[in-house]
Protein backbone atom coordinates (compact mmCIF):
# COMPACT_ATOMS: atom_id res chain seq x y z
CA UNK A 1 25.10 -4.98 -95.93
CA UNK A 2 21.61 -6.29 -96.55
CA UNK A 3 19.62 -7.26 -93.47
CA UNK A 4 16.73 -8.90 -95.30
CA UNK A 5 16.21 -10.98 -98.43
CA UNK A 6 13.03 -11.47 -100.46
CA UNK A 7 12.78 -14.97 -101.92
CA UNK A 8 10.61 -16.38 -104.71
CA UNK A 9 10.78 -20.06 -105.61
CA UNK A 10 9.47 -21.59 -108.86
CA UNK A 11 6.19 -23.38 -108.28
CA UNK A 12 5.23 -21.16 -105.34
CA UNK A 13 3.07 -18.13 -106.10
CA UNK A 14 3.98 -16.27 -102.91
CA UNK A 15 7.14 -14.56 -101.77
CA UNK A 16 9.09 -14.97 -98.55
CA UNK A 17 10.88 -12.35 -96.44
CA UNK A 18 14.00 -13.58 -94.65
CA UNK A 19 15.03 -11.30 -91.76
CA UNK A 20 18.73 -12.05 -91.33
CA UNK A 21 19.04 -10.31 -87.95
CA UNK A 22 16.04 -12.11 -86.42
CA UNK A 23 16.76 -15.43 -88.16
CA UNK A 24 13.17 -15.68 -89.38
CA UNK A 25 11.39 -16.26 -92.67
CA UNK A 26 7.80 -15.11 -93.16
CA UNK A 27 5.35 -14.98 -96.07
CA UNK A 28 5.32 -11.60 -97.82
CA UNK A 29 2.39 -10.02 -99.63
CA UNK A 30 4.07 -7.88 -102.32
CA UNK A 31 2.83 -4.39 -103.17
CA UNK A 32 4.02 -1.66 -105.55
CA UNK A 33 7.07 -2.41 -107.70
CA UNK A 34 7.63 -5.67 -105.83
CA UNK A 35 4.18 -6.87 -106.91
CA UNK A 36 5.06 -5.97 -110.50
CA UNK A 37 8.29 -7.99 -110.53
CA UNK A 38 6.50 -10.85 -108.76
CA UNK A 39 3.95 -10.93 -111.60
CA UNK A 40 6.84 -11.16 -114.09
CA UNK A 41 8.33 -14.00 -112.05
CA UNK A 42 5.05 -15.92 -112.21
CA UNK A 43 5.33 -15.96 -116.02
CA UNK A 44 8.91 -17.28 -115.99
CA UNK A 45 10.89 -14.08 -115.54
CA UNK A 46 13.81 -13.71 -113.14
CA UNK A 47 14.67 -10.60 -111.13
CA UNK A 48 17.96 -10.48 -109.18
CA UNK A 49 19.30 -7.48 -107.27
CA UNK A 50 22.22 -7.33 -104.80
CA UNK A 51 22.56 -11.11 -104.41
CA UNK A 52 25.78 -12.88 -105.37
CA UNK A 53 24.79 -16.47 -104.49
CA UNK A 54 21.41 -18.16 -104.36
CA UNK A 55 20.80 -21.90 -104.60
CA UNK A 56 17.53 -23.75 -104.12
CA UNK A 57 18.01 -27.27 -102.77
CA UNK A 58 15.60 -30.11 -102.08
CA UNK A 59 16.06 -30.13 -98.30
CA UNK A 60 17.84 -28.58 -95.34
CA UNK A 61 19.93 -31.74 -95.05
CA UNK A 62 21.23 -31.28 -98.60
CA UNK A 63 22.26 -27.70 -97.83
CA UNK A 64 23.95 -28.68 -94.56
CA UNK A 65 25.87 -31.47 -96.29
CA UNK A 66 27.41 -28.95 -98.68
CA UNK A 67 25.81 -30.42 -101.79
CA UNK A 68 24.18 -28.38 -104.54
CA UNK A 69 21.57 -30.68 -106.05
CA UNK A 70 19.90 -29.59 -109.27
């Protein structure tokens, strides 16, 4: 099972690293292949690997309420 998730959100140039064990999220400076796919993302591309659900919501409250706002 994955213990970390790398997140990129439209409108943000940077990436985030979520450490599931520690319960933390930190900015990530991509290098190597990750930098390459991040550059593709910046031009509108999408890269998904080993994730079966991902939803961006407008606030924590929306997520906690169980809603999936567009």
